[in-house]
């Protein structure tokens, strides 16, 4: 018999390994289930708004949204990740008052920032609109968006609290289902009555209020002590803020890095160009479809493993997550790059001009996914300063490239600048993870996946280049190629973790459908 002899410690270690894999698969698939609902809703809502408002109105909406997202990052102050880190730590120590103190301290601190930000944004809305964007119409957009800032905090922080308990279903319900669904329904009402841009903004505000109320209410399902006045919260604000502020700056700079292109197009060009670019860029971000749900569950798991100094298991989890991410993401990348113009025509005829933008940013986001959750690893291992330094450096590079390229190449220049910035960011993060933690996400399984995808896609582009088929044939052959890719993945040899996640997928989705059918019958 090969291998190490059986001992109780060996059995205990193997059970722990399987448990981490089980948590990753179960939590990731729960997140994916929510995202299967979220992403089509977001895309459909974006298409409705784009067609309803036209390129100019959609451009104004996205300029306001970009500024609003930046303000939300500042008011959340990185506390979404701070909550996970300190709540997980206190859970391992079974310290209920400190767990309660984490969420109480976070909400009080963040809401205080919200009051300041809302007042500043409302007071200076006209100055921002006229001085930077030379567009008076943007002032009302900024004012209405400002009203939603505190409610964004009231649903984001409790959602992170649910994540720390690995209750992804509650986070998914709030962020991935209720928020986009309520917004879509309200947008449909706005369109039905043929209202204007301001009413679309009010729809966003009211959906945020609804989501915030439910997010706080759901805390009772996984931490009822939150509402128990007899349990006094032990607030440790200083270490929480000390950890979170670096994460906040990193997050703020990261968001600014991916929003600076829209802001600079708004400065150098028109709101119509912002609208076309935003449609393409918003679609391209869906290449990271699988990254967020797996990252959500990887965050508390990585925090726990690092807290226990279990680096071998952390390395194994990192490899598994990255391999699964890349395997599932490659077909999405294929669709977005092979049918870019056709997809953008769904937003309206004028939006098809953004086809090359969709291709360039999709490629950059594929590189992002292929490095795995490197940003989380740096933060959870206490290297926020390293991550912040990378973000600042890349923001400077991105801003300079946008300043140079947008006046010359317009939207394509912005896409090139943003794409380069995304690739450099995640390349540097990956190198820092190796330097500080000595873990690496790649193995032979990933190489086989990439090679099979390259060969299949090469055949597709050879077919379309030589025969120049119509759209129906192009879609048909593309579907055939992805079926071949799926069959290669299904029939290829798999390790224990791959078998487990495939069985989890089968149990979660296929068996659920069978139960629903039997109930109907």
Protein backbone atom coordinates (compact mmCIF):
# COMPACT_ATOMS: atom_id res chain seq x y z
CA UNK A 1 0.00 0.00 0.00
CA UNK A 2 1.42 3.32 -1.09
CA UNK A 3 1.35 6.61 0.80
CA UNK A 4 1.45 7.49 4.44
CA UNK A 5 0.13 5.00 7.00
CA UNK A 6 -3.31 5.65 8.38
CA UNK A 7 -3.48 7.48 11.67
CA UNK A 8 -6.28 9.35 13.43
CA UNK A 9 -4.45 12.59 12.63
CA UNK A 10 -4.31 11.64 8.93
CA UNK A 11 -8.03 10.91 8.92
CA UNK A 12 -8.73 14.20 10.68
CA UNK A 13 -6.62 16.12 8.16
CA UNK A 14 -8.36 14.44 5.19
CA UNK A 15 -11.77 15.27 6.64
CA UNK A 16 -10.70 18.92 6.98
CA UNK A 17 -9.52 19.01 3.36
CA UNK A 18 -12.81 17.57 2.14
CA UNK A 19 -14.70 20.01 4.35
CA UNK A 20 -12.95 23.03 2.79
CA UNK A 21 -13.62 21.69 -0.70
CA UNK A 22 -17.24 21.09 0.27
CA UNK A 23 -17.58 24.66 1.57
CA UNK A 24 -16.04 26.10 -1.60
CA UNK A 25 -18.27 24.05 -3.87
CA UNK A 26 -21.48 24.50 -1.87
CA UNK A 27 -20.97 28.20 -1.27
CA UNK A 28 -19.74 28.88 -4.79
CA UNK A 29 -22.68 27.08 -6.36
CA UNK A 30 -25.12 28.93 -4.09
CA UNK A 31 -23.55 32.18 -5.24
CA UNK A 32 -23.71 31.03 -8.88
CA UNK A 33 -27.39 30.18 -8.44
CA UNK A 34 -27.98 33.76 -7.31
CA UNK A 35 -25.83 35.11 -10.12
CA UNK A 36 -27.71 33.06 -12.72
CA UNK A 37 -30.66 35.14 -11.59
CA UNK A 38 -28.74 38.41 -11.13
CA UNK A 39 -26.74 38.73 -14.33
CA UNK A 40 -29.55 38.23 -16.88
CA UNK A 41 -31.67 40.66 -14.85
CA UNK A 42 -28.91 43.27 -14.81
CA UNK A 43 -28.23 42.88 -18.53
CA UNK A 44 -31.94 43.00 -19.38
CA UNK A 45 -32.46 46.07 -17.17
CA UNK A 46 -29.43 47.77 -18.73
CA UNK A 47 -30.76 47.04 -22.22
CA UNK A 48 -34.18 48.46 -21.30
CA UNK A 49 -32.67 51.64 -19.86
CA UNK A 50 -30.29 52.05 -22.81
CA UNK A 51 -33.06 51.69 -25.39
CA UNK A 52 -35.45 53.89 -23.38
CA UNK A 53 -33.02 56.75 -22.71
CA UNK A 54 -30.92 56.60 -25.87
CA UNK A 55 -27.13 56.99 -25.92
CA UNK A 56 -27.14 60.48 -24.38
CA UNK A 57 -29.48 59.68 -21.48
CA UNK A 58 -27.75 56.36 -20.88
CA UNK A 59 -24.43 58.22 -20.82
CA UNK A 60 -25.71 60.63 -18.16
CA UNK A 61 -27.05 57.72 -16.13
CA UNK A 62 -23.68 55.94 -16.23
CA UNK A 63 -21.70 59.08 -15.36
CA UNK A 64 -23.88 59.55 -12.29
CA UNK A 65 -23.67 55.87 -11.45
CA UNK A 66 -19.86 55.92 -11.71
CA UNK A 67 -19.62 58.78 -9.22
CA UNK A 68 -22.20 57.10 -6.97
CA UNK A 69 -20.23 53.84 -6.91
CA UNK A 70 -17.07 55.74 -5.94
CA UNK A 71 -18.91 57.47 -3.08
CA UNK A 72 -20.29 54.12 -1.89
CA UNK A 73 -16.79 52.67 -1.74
CA UNK A 74 -15.70 55.58 0.44
CA UNK A 75 -18.70 55.41 2.79
CA UNK A 76 -18.41 51.62 3.17
CA UNK A 77 -14.77 52.33 4.11
CA UNK A 78 -13.61 48.81 3.28
CA UNK A 79 -15.77 47.54 6.14
CA UNK A 80 -17.36 44.82 4.01
CA UNK A 81 -14.07 42.92 4.14
CA UNK A 82 -13.23 44.11 7.64
CA UNK A 83 -16.54 42.67 8.86
CA UNK A 84 -15.70 39.29 7.35
CA UNK A 85 -12.18 39.19 8.80
CA UNK A 86 -13.06 40.22 12.36
CA UNK A 87 -16.39 38.42 12.51
CA UNK A 88 -14.75 35.15 11.41
CA UNK A 89 -12.02 35.67 14.01
CA UNK A 90 -14.57 36.24 16.77
CA UNK A 91 -16.66 33.28 15.60
CA UNK A 92 -13.67 30.94 15.95
CA UNK A 93 -13.33 32.24 19.51
CA UNK A 94 -17.13 32.00 20.13
CA UNK A 95 -17.22 35.61 21.36
CA UNK A 96 -20.83 36.70 20.77
CA UNK A 97 -20.54 40.27 22.19
CA UNK A 98 -17.54 40.99 19.94
CA UNK A 99 -19.32 39.54 16.89
CA UNK A 100 -22.23 41.87 17.64
CA UNK A 101 -19.79 44.73 18.14
CA UNK A 102 -18.31 44.21 14.67
CA UNK A 103 -21.59 44.87 12.83
CA UNK A 104 -22.73 47.65 15.21
CA UNK A 105 -19.43 49.51 14.98
CA UNK A 106 -19.37 49.16 11.20
CA UNK A 107 -22.90 50.49 10.70
CA UNK A 108 -22.47 53.48 13.02
CA UNK A 109 -19.14 54.50 11.52
CA UNK A 110 -20.23 54.03 7.92
CA UNK A 111 -23.56 55.85 8.32
CA UNK A 112 -21.75 58.83 9.83
CA UNK A 113 -19.64 59.03 6.69
CA UNK A 114 -22.78 58.74 4.57
CA UNK A 115 -24.28 61.89 6.10
CA UNK A 116 -21.16 63.89 5.23
CA UNK A 117 -20.89 62.52 1.68
CA UNK A 118 -24.57 63.07 0.87
CA UNK A 119 -24.43 66.71 1.99
CA UNK A 120 -21.23 67.40 0.02
CA UNK A 121 -22.52 65.72 -3.15
CA UNK A 122 -25.81 67.62 -3.08
CA UNK A 123 -24.14 70.99 -2.41
CA UNK A 124 -21.51 70.63 -5.15
CA UNK A 125 -23.59 68.76 -7.76
CA UNK A 126 -23.89 71.76 -10.08
CA UNK A 127 -20.22 72.68 -9.79
CA UNK A 128 -19.15 69.11 -10.66
CA UNK A 129 -21.52 69.02 -13.63
CA UNK A 130 -20.47 72.38 -15.07
CA UNK A 131 -16.76 72.45 -14.25
CA UNK A 132 -15.75 68.90 -15.13
CA UNK A 133 -18.37 67.60 -17.56
CA UNK A 134 -19.75 70.85 -19.00
CA UNK A 135 -23.25 69.39 -18.74
CA UNK A 136 -25.98 71.04 -16.62
CA UNK A 137 -28.25 67.97 -16.96
CA UNK A 138 -25.90 65.91 -14.81
CA UNK A 139 -26.58 67.93 -11.62
CA UNK A 140 -30.02 66.42 -10.95
CA UNK A 141 -28.61 62.96 -11.65
CA UNK A 142 -25.92 63.42 -9.00
CA UNK A 143 -28.40 64.75 -6.42
CA UNK A 144 -30.81 61.82 -6.77
CA UNK A 145 -27.99 59.29 -6.75
CA UNK A 146 -26.63 60.90 -3.56
CA UNK A 147 -29.87 60.06 -1.71
CA UNK A 148 -29.24 56.34 -2.25
CA UNK A 149 -25.77 56.34 -0.63
CA UNK A 150 -26.83 55.53 3.00
CA UNK A 151 -29.21 52.80 1.87
CA UNK A 152 -26.46 51.17 -0.17
CA UNK A 153 -24.48 50.96 3.07
CA UNK A 154 -27.45 49.55 4.97
CA UNK A 155 -27.67 46.57 2.63
CA UNK A 156 -23.97 46.10 1.79
CA UNK A 157 -22.66 45.78 5.38
CA UNK A 158 -25.28 43.29 6.63
CA UNK A 159 -24.72 41.29 3.42
CA UNK A 160 -21.01 41.08 4.28
CA UNK A 161 -21.99 40.03 7.81
CA UNK A 162 -24.00 37.14 6.34
CA UNK A 163 -20.96 36.24 4.24
CA UNK A 164 -18.82 35.95 7.37
CA UNK A 165 -21.21 33.25 8.63
CA UNK A 166 -20.94 31.56 5.21
CA UNK A 167 -24.67 32.22 4.79
CA UNK A 168 -24.28 32.95 1.11
CA UNK A 169 -27.96 32.28 0.46
CA UNK A 170 -28.94 35.36 2.49
CA UNK A 171 -26.33 37.54 0.82
CA UNK A 172 -27.40 36.17 -2.56
CA UNK A 173 -31.09 36.79 -1.81
CA UNK A 174 -30.45 40.44 -0.96
CA UNK A 175 -27.73 41.42 -3.44
CA UNK A 176 -28.38 39.07 -6.35
CA UNK A 177 -32.15 38.71 -6.34
CA UNK A 178 -34.13 41.37 -4.48
CA UNK A 179 -31.99 44.36 -5.50
CA UNK A 180 -31.99 43.77 -9.29
CA UNK A 181 -35.54 42.39 -9.39
CA UNK A 182 -37.09 45.35 -7.56
CA UNK A 183 -35.12 47.77 -9.75
CA UNK A 184 -36.25 46.00 -12.93
CA UNK A 185 -39.92 46.07 -11.89
CA UNK A 186 -39.72 49.77 -11.06
CA UNK A 187 -37.94 50.51 -14.37
CA UNK A 188 -40.72 48.70 -16.22
CA UNK A 189 -43.25 50.99 -14.51
CA UNK A 190 -41.20 54.04 -15.55
CA UNK A 191 -41.08 52.86 -19.16
CA UNK A 192 -44.78 51.94 -19.18
CA UNK A 193 -45.73 55.50 -18.20
CA UNK A 194 -43.04 56.98 -20.48
CA UNK A 195 -41.37 58.95 -17.69
CA UNK A 196 -37.89 60.49 -17.98
CA UNK A 197 -34.35 59.89 -16.67
CA UNK A 198 -35.10 61.26 -13.21
CA UNK A 199 -37.75 58.59 -12.64
CA UNK A 200 -35.26 55.88 -13.58
CA UNK A 201 -33.02 57.31 -10.85
CA UNK A 202 -35.91 57.29 -8.34
CA UNK A 203 -36.54 53.65 -9.27
CA UNK A 204 -32.93 52.92 -8.32
CA UNK A 205 -33.37 54.81 -5.02
CA UNK A 206 -36.55 52.99 -3.98
CA UNK A 207 -35.15 49.56 -4.87
CA UNK A 208 -32.12 50.34 -2.67
CA UNK A 209 -34.38 51.28 0.26
CA UNK A 210 -36.34 48.02 -0.07
CA UNK A 211 -33.14 45.97 -0.24
CA UNK A 212 -31.64 47.71 2.82
CA UNK A 213 -34.73 46.95 4.91
CA UNK A 214 -34.67 43.24 4.06
CA UNK A 215 -30.91 42.96 4.53
CA UNK A 216 -31.16 44.16 8.14
CA UNK A 217 -34.25 42.04 8.82
CA UNK A 218 -32.54 38.82 7.64
CA UNK A 219 -29.81 39.14 10.29
CA UNK A 220 -32.21 37.51 12.74
CA UNK A 221 -32.03 34.24 10.75
CA UNK A 222 -28.31 33.66 11.28
CA UNK A 223 -27.39 35.95 14.22
CA UNK A 224 -30.52 36.65 16.32
CA UNK A 225 -28.28 38.05 19.07
CA UNK A 226 -28.09 41.22 16.96
CA UNK A 227 -31.62 42.12 18.11
CA UNK A 228 -31.15 40.91 21.72
CA UNK A 229 -30.80 43.99 23.89
CA UNK A 230 -29.58 41.87 26.81
CA UNK A 231 -26.35 41.08 24.95
CA UNK A 232 -24.16 44.16 25.01
CA UNK A 233 -21.98 44.68 21.96
CA UNK A 234 -18.25 44.98 22.60
CA UNK A 235 -17.17 47.53 20.04
CA UNK A 236 -13.56 47.42 18.86
CA UNK A 237 -13.71 50.17 16.28
CA UNK A 238 -10.01 51.04 16.14
CA UNK A 239 -8.64 47.67 14.88
CA UNK A 240 -11.63 47.32 12.55
CA UNK A 241 -11.07 50.75 10.99
CA UNK A 242 -7.29 50.27 11.00
CA UNK A 243 -7.70 47.16 8.85
CA UNK A 244 -10.52 48.51 6.71
CA UNK A 245 -9.18 51.93 5.74
CA UNK A 246 -6.37 50.42 3.69
CA UNK A 247 -8.89 48.10 2.06
CA UNK A 248 -11.14 51.11 1.42
CA UNK A 249 -8.41 53.03 -0.37
CA UNK A 250 -7.56 49.94 -2.39
CA UNK A 251 -11.22 49.45 -3.28
CA UNK A 252 -11.71 53.14 -4.06
CA UNK A 253 -8.68 53.19 -6.33
CA UNK A 254 -9.70 49.88 -7.96
CA UNK A 255 -13.19 51.20 -8.70
CA UNK A 256 -11.77 54.53 -9.88
CA UNK A 257 -9.43 52.58 -12.14
CA UNK A 258 -12.37 50.93 -13.93
CA UNK A 259 -14.55 54.06 -13.87
CA UNK A 260 -11.91 56.62 -14.88
CA UNK A 261 -12.41 55.68 -18.53
CA UNK A 262 -16.08 56.72 -18.44
CA UNK A 263 -15.29 59.89 -16.50
CA UNK A 264 -12.55 60.89 -18.94
CA UNK A 265 -14.70 60.12 -21.99
CA UNK A 266 -17.30 62.40 -20.37
CA UNK A 267 -14.63 65.08 -20.00
CA UNK A 268 -13.09 64.80 -23.47
CA UNK A 269 -16.17 63.80 -25.44
CA UNK A 270 -19.98 63.64 -25.18
CA UNK A 271 -22.44 61.81 -22.95
CA UNK A 272 -23.52 59.83 -26.04
CA UNK A 273 -20.01 58.37 -26.32
CA UNK A 274 -20.16 57.55 -22.61
CA UNK A 275 -23.43 55.71 -23.27
CA UNK A 276 -21.99 53.56 -26.07
CA UNK A 277 -18.81 52.81 -24.15
CA UNK A 278 -20.72 51.98 -20.96
CA UNK A 279 -22.95 49.49 -22.77
CA UNK A 280 -19.87 47.62 -24.04
CA UNK A 281 -17.89 47.88 -20.78
CA UNK A 282 -20.86 46.86 -18.63
CA UNK A 283 -21.36 43.79 -20.81
CA UNK A 284 -17.64 42.91 -20.73
CA UNK A 285 -17.59 42.85 -16.93
CA UNK A 286 -19.84 39.78 -17.12
CA UNK A 287 -16.77 37.80 -18.17
CA UNK A 288 -16.13 37.75 -14.40
CA UNK A 289 -19.55 36.10 -13.87
CA UNK A 290 -18.12 33.19 -11.85
CA UNK A 291 -15.43 35.19 -10.04
CA UNK A 292 -17.70 36.97 -7.59
CA UNK A 293 -19.71 33.99 -6.23
CA UNK A 294 -16.58 31.89 -5.71
CA UNK A 295 -14.73 34.87 -4.24
CA UNK A 296 -17.60 35.44 -1.79
CA UNK A 297 -17.15 32.02 -0.22
CA UNK A 298 -13.35 31.99 -0.65
CA UNK A 299 -13.09 35.20 1.42
CA UNK A 300 -14.18 33.76 4.81
CA UNK A 301 -12.48 30.43 4.10
CA UNK A 302 -9.16 32.10 3.28
CA UNK A 303 -9.48 34.28 6.38
CA UNK A 304 -10.05 31.19 8.54
CA UNK A 305 -7.20 29.17 6.98
CA UNK A 306 -4.78 32.08 7.30
CA UNK A 307 -5.83 32.66 10.90
CA UNK A 308 -4.99 28.99 11.58
CA UNK A 309 -1.71 29.18 9.55
CA UNK A 310 -2.94 26.33 7.34
CA UNK A 311 -1.02 27.34 4.19
CA UNK A 312 -1.04 23.93 2.44
CA UNK A 313 -4.84 23.87 2.54
CA UNK A 314 -4.99 27.54 1.49
CA UNK A 315 -2.79 26.76 -1.53
CA UNK A 316 -5.03 23.81 -2.46
CA UNK A 317 -8.19 25.92 -2.19
CA UNK A 318 -6.55 28.66 -4.29
CA UNK A 319 -5.68 26.18 -7.07
CA UNK A 320 -9.15 24.61 -7.07
CA UNK A 321 -10.98 27.93 -7.22
CA UNK A 322 -8.77 29.27 -10.02
CA UNK A 323 -9.14 26.11 -12.11
CA UNK A 324 -12.92 26.08 -11.74
CA UNK A 325 -13.12 29.80 -12.51
CA UNK A 326 -11.13 29.58 -15.73
CA UNK A 327 -12.93 26.45 -16.94
CA UNK A 328 -16.36 28.06 -16.57
CA UNK A 329 -15.31 31.51 -17.80
CA UNK A 330 -13.76 30.63 -21.17
CA UNK A 331 -17.14 29.99 -22.90
CA UNK A 332 -18.42 33.41 -21.78
CA UNK A 333 -15.28 35.04 -23.17
CA UNK A 334 -15.83 33.18 -26.45
CA UNK A 335 -19.42 34.45 -26.77
CA UNK A 336 -18.57 38.09 -26.00
CA UNK A 337 -15.62 38.26 -28.40
CA UNK A 338 -17.13 36.23 -31.24
CA UNK A 339 -20.51 38.01 -31.30
CA UNK A 340 -19.57 41.45 -29.97
CA UNK A 341 -21.40 43.65 -32.51
CA UNK A 342 -24.48 41.43 -32.53
CA UNK A 343 -24.76 41.53 -28.73
CA UNK A 344 -24.44 45.32 -28.57
CA UNK A 345 -27.22 45.77 -31.13
CA UNK A 346 -29.57 44.52 -28.42
CA UNK A 347 -29.02 47.89 -26.72
CA UNK A 348 -29.91 49.70 -29.95
CA UNK A 349 -28.36 50.25 -33.37
CA UNK A 350 -26.15 53.13 -32.20
CA UNK A 351 -24.45 50.92 -29.59
CA UNK A 352 -22.88 48.48 -32.10
CA UNK A 353 -20.00 50.97 -32.49
CA UNK A 354 -18.66 49.65 -29.19
CA UNK A 355 -17.85 46.15 -30.54
CA UNK A 356 -14.07 46.53 -30.33
CA UNK A 357 -14.44 47.96 -26.80
CA UNK A 358 -16.30 44.80 -25.76
CA UNK A 359 -13.54 42.58 -27.19
CA UNK A 360 -10.65 44.46 -25.58
CA UNK A 361 -12.14 44.70 -22.09
CA UNK A 362 -13.39 41.08 -22.23
CA UNK A 363 -9.83 39.90 -22.86
CA UNK A 364 -8.53 41.94 -19.92
CA UNK A 365 -11.23 40.53 -17.63
CA UNK A 366 -10.31 37.00 -18.73
CA UNK A 367 -6.77 37.67 -17.48
CA UNK A 368 -8.33 38.94 -14.25
CA UNK A 369 -10.25 35.70 -13.77
CA UNK A 370 -7.26 33.53 -14.71
CA UNK A 371 -5.23 34.84 -11.75
CA UNK A 372 -7.90 33.76 -9.26
CA UNK A 373 -8.93 35.70 -6.10
CA UNK A 374 -5.45 37.21 -5.59
CA UNK A 375 -6.72 40.49 -4.16
CA UNK A 376 -8.58 38.65 -1.40
CA UNK A 377 -5.47 36.67 -0.49
CA UNK A 378 -3.38 39.81 -0.11
CA UNK A 379 -5.98 41.50 2.09
CA UNK A 380 -6.77 38.50 4.27
CA UNK A 381 -3.04 37.83 4.85
CA UNK A 382 -2.45 41.36 6.14
CA UNK A 383 -0.81 42.74 2.98
CA UNK A 384 -3.32 45.52 2.34
CA UNK A 385 -0.48 48.03 1.98
CA UNK A 386 1.02 45.97 -0.85
CA UNK A 387 -2.37 45.78 -2.57
CA UNK A 388 -2.88 49.51 -2.05
CA UNK A 389 0.53 50.30 -3.55
CA UNK A 390 -0.29 48.22 -6.63
CA UNK A 391 -3.65 49.95 -7.01
CA UNK A 392 -2.14 53.44 -6.76
CA UNK A 393 0.59 52.60 -9.26
CA UNK A 394 -1.85 51.14 -11.78
CA UNK A 395 -4.32 54.02 -11.31
CA UNK A 396 -1.56 56.46 -12.30
CA UNK A 397 -0.69 54.31 -15.34
CA UNK A 398 -4.35 54.01 -16.33
CA UNK A 399 -5.04 57.73 -15.96
CA UNK A 400 -1.98 58.70 -18.01
CA UNK A 401 -2.88 56.20 -20.73
CA UNK A 402 -6.47 57.49 -20.83
CA UNK A 403 -5.26 61.09 -21.06
CA UNK A 404 -3.04 60.17 -24.00
CA UNK A 405 -5.26 57.69 -25.85
CA UNK A 406 -8.81 59.09 -25.55
CA UNK A 407 -8.13 62.35 -27.46
CA UNK A 408 -6.51 60.27 -30.25
CA UNK A 409 -8.48 57.01 -30.40
CA UNK A 410 -11.68 57.88 -28.50
CA UNK A 411 -13.54 54.92 -26.98
CA UNK A 412 -11.01 52.38 -28.31
CA UNK A 413 -8.22 54.30 -26.58
CA UNK A 414 -10.13 54.17 -23.29
CA UNK A 415 -10.66 50.41 -23.68
CA UNK A 416 -6.95 49.85 -24.40
CA UNK A 417 -5.92 51.91 -21.37
CA UNK A 418 -8.38 50.13 -19.07
CA UNK A 419 -7.44 46.70 -20.42
CA UNK A 420 -3.73 47.29 -19.85
CA UNK A 421 -4.45 48.53 -16.32
CA UNK A 422 -6.53 45.43 -15.44
CA UNK A 423 -3.85 43.05 -16.74
CA UNK A 424 -1.01 44.84 -14.94
CA UNK A 425 -3.01 44.96 -11.68
CA UNK A 426 -3.69 41.25 -11.47
CA UNK A 427 -0.26 40.29 -12.76
CA UNK A 428 1.35 42.27 -9.94
CA UNK A 429 -1.07 40.89 -7.35
CA UNK A 430 -0.29 37.34 -8.44
CA UNK A 431 3.44 37.95 -8.15
CA UNK A 432 2.98 39.42 -4.65
CA UNK A 433 0.90 36.42 -3.53
CA UNK A 434 3.77 34.17 -4.58
CA UNK A 435 6.36 36.41 -2.93
CA UNK A 436 4.61 36.72 0.44
CA UNK A 437 2.58 33.49 0.74
CA UNK A 438 4.47 31.13 -1.60
CA UNK A 439 1.25 29.81 -3.14
CA UNK A 440 0.45 29.64 -6.86
CA UNK A 441 -2.87 28.94 -8.64
CA UNK A 442 -1.73 27.00 -11.70
CA UNK A 443 -1.32 23.28 -12.34
CA UNK A 444 -1.43 20.86 -15.26
CA UNK A 445 -5.23 20.77 -15.22
CA UNK A 446 -5.45 24.47 -16.10
CA UNK A 447 -2.95 24.03 -18.97
CA UNK A 448 -5.05 21.23 -20.48
CA UNK A 449 -8.20 23.35 -20.25
CA UNK A 450 -6.58 26.33 -21.97
CA UNK A 451 -5.03 24.23 -24.76
CA UNK A 452 -8.33 22.50 -25.59
CA UNK A 453 -10.11 25.87 -25.67
CA UNK A 454 -7.48 27.42 -27.96
CA UNK A 455 -7.72 24.53 -30.44
CA UNK A 456 -11.54 24.63 -30.54
CA UNK A 457 -11.72 28.42 -30.91
CA UNK A 458 -9.02 28.29 -33.59
CA UNK A 459 -11.25 25.94 -35.62
CA UNK A 460 -14.18 28.34 -35.15
CA UNK A 461 -12.28 31.37 -36.44
CA UNK A 462 -10.86 29.35 -39.35
CA UNK A 463 -14.42 28.35 -40.28
CA UNK A 464 -15.84 31.88 -40.04
CA UNK A 465 -12.88 33.46 -41.87
CA UNK A 466 -12.90 31.06 -44.84
CA UNK A 467 -16.66 30.62 -45.31
CA UNK A 468 -18.00 33.96 -43.99
CA UNK A 469 -21.27 32.35 -42.81
CA UNK A 470 -24.45 34.26 -41.99
CA UNK A 471 -25.36 34.91 -38.37
CA UNK A 472 -27.47 31.75 -37.94
CA UNK A 473 -24.67 29.47 -39.19
CA UNK A 474 -22.14 31.38 -37.11
CA UNK A 475 -24.23 30.90 -33.98
CA UNK A 476 -24.81 27.23 -34.83
CA UNK A 477 -21.12 26.45 -35.31
CA UNK A 478 -20.20 28.43 -32.21
CA UNK A 479 -22.70 26.39 -30.18
CA UNK A 480 -21.23 23.19 -31.61
CA UNK A 481 -17.71 24.30 -30.60
CA UNK A 482 -18.80 24.99 -27.03
CA UNK A 483 -20.53 21.61 -26.83
CA UNK A 484 -17.24 19.98 -27.85
CA UNK A 485 -15.43 22.03 -25.17
CA UNK A 486 -17.97 20.89 -22.55
CA UNK A 487 -17.66 17.24 -23.61
CA UNK A 488 -13.86 17.39 -23.37
CA UNK A 489 -14.19 18.76 -19.85
CA UNK A 490 -16.80 16.18 -18.81
CA UNK A 491 -14.92 13.18 -20.27
CA UNK A 492 -11.43 14.20 -19.12
CA UNK A 493 -9.91 12.56 -15.99
CA UNK A 494 -10.78 14.43 -12.79
CA UNK A 495 -9.44 14.65 -9.29
CA UNK A 496 -11.54 14.23 -6.17
CA UNK A 497 -12.36 17.94 -5.87
CA UNK A 498 -13.58 18.17 -9.50
CA UNK A 499 -15.83 15.14 -9.03
CA UNK A 500 -17.26 16.69 -5.87
CA UNK A 501 -18.11 20.02 -7.47
CA UNK A 502 -19.73 18.34 -10.50
CA UNK A 503 -21.86 16.19 -8.20
CA UNK A 504 -22.74 19.30 -6.18
CA UNK A 505 -23.81 21.05 -9.39
CA UNK A 506 -25.92 18.04 -10.36
CA UNK A 507 -27.56 17.81 -6.94
CA UNK A 508 -28.18 21.54 -6.69
CA UNK A 509 -29.68 22.17 -10.10
CA UNK A 510 -30.75 18.93 -11.79
CA UNK A 511 -32.23 17.17 -8.76
CA UNK A 512 -34.03 20.37 -7.75
CA UNK A 513 -35.68 20.50 -11.17
CA UNK A 514 -36.77 16.85 -10.80
CA UNK A 515 -38.33 17.60 -7.42
CA UNK A 516 -40.16 20.60 -8.85
CA UNK A 517 -41.54 18.48 -11.70
CA UNK A 518 -42.66 15.73 -9.31
CA UNK A 519 -44.42 18.32 -7.15
CA UNK A 520 -46.23 19.67 -10.18
CA UNK A 521 -47.32 16.16 -11.22
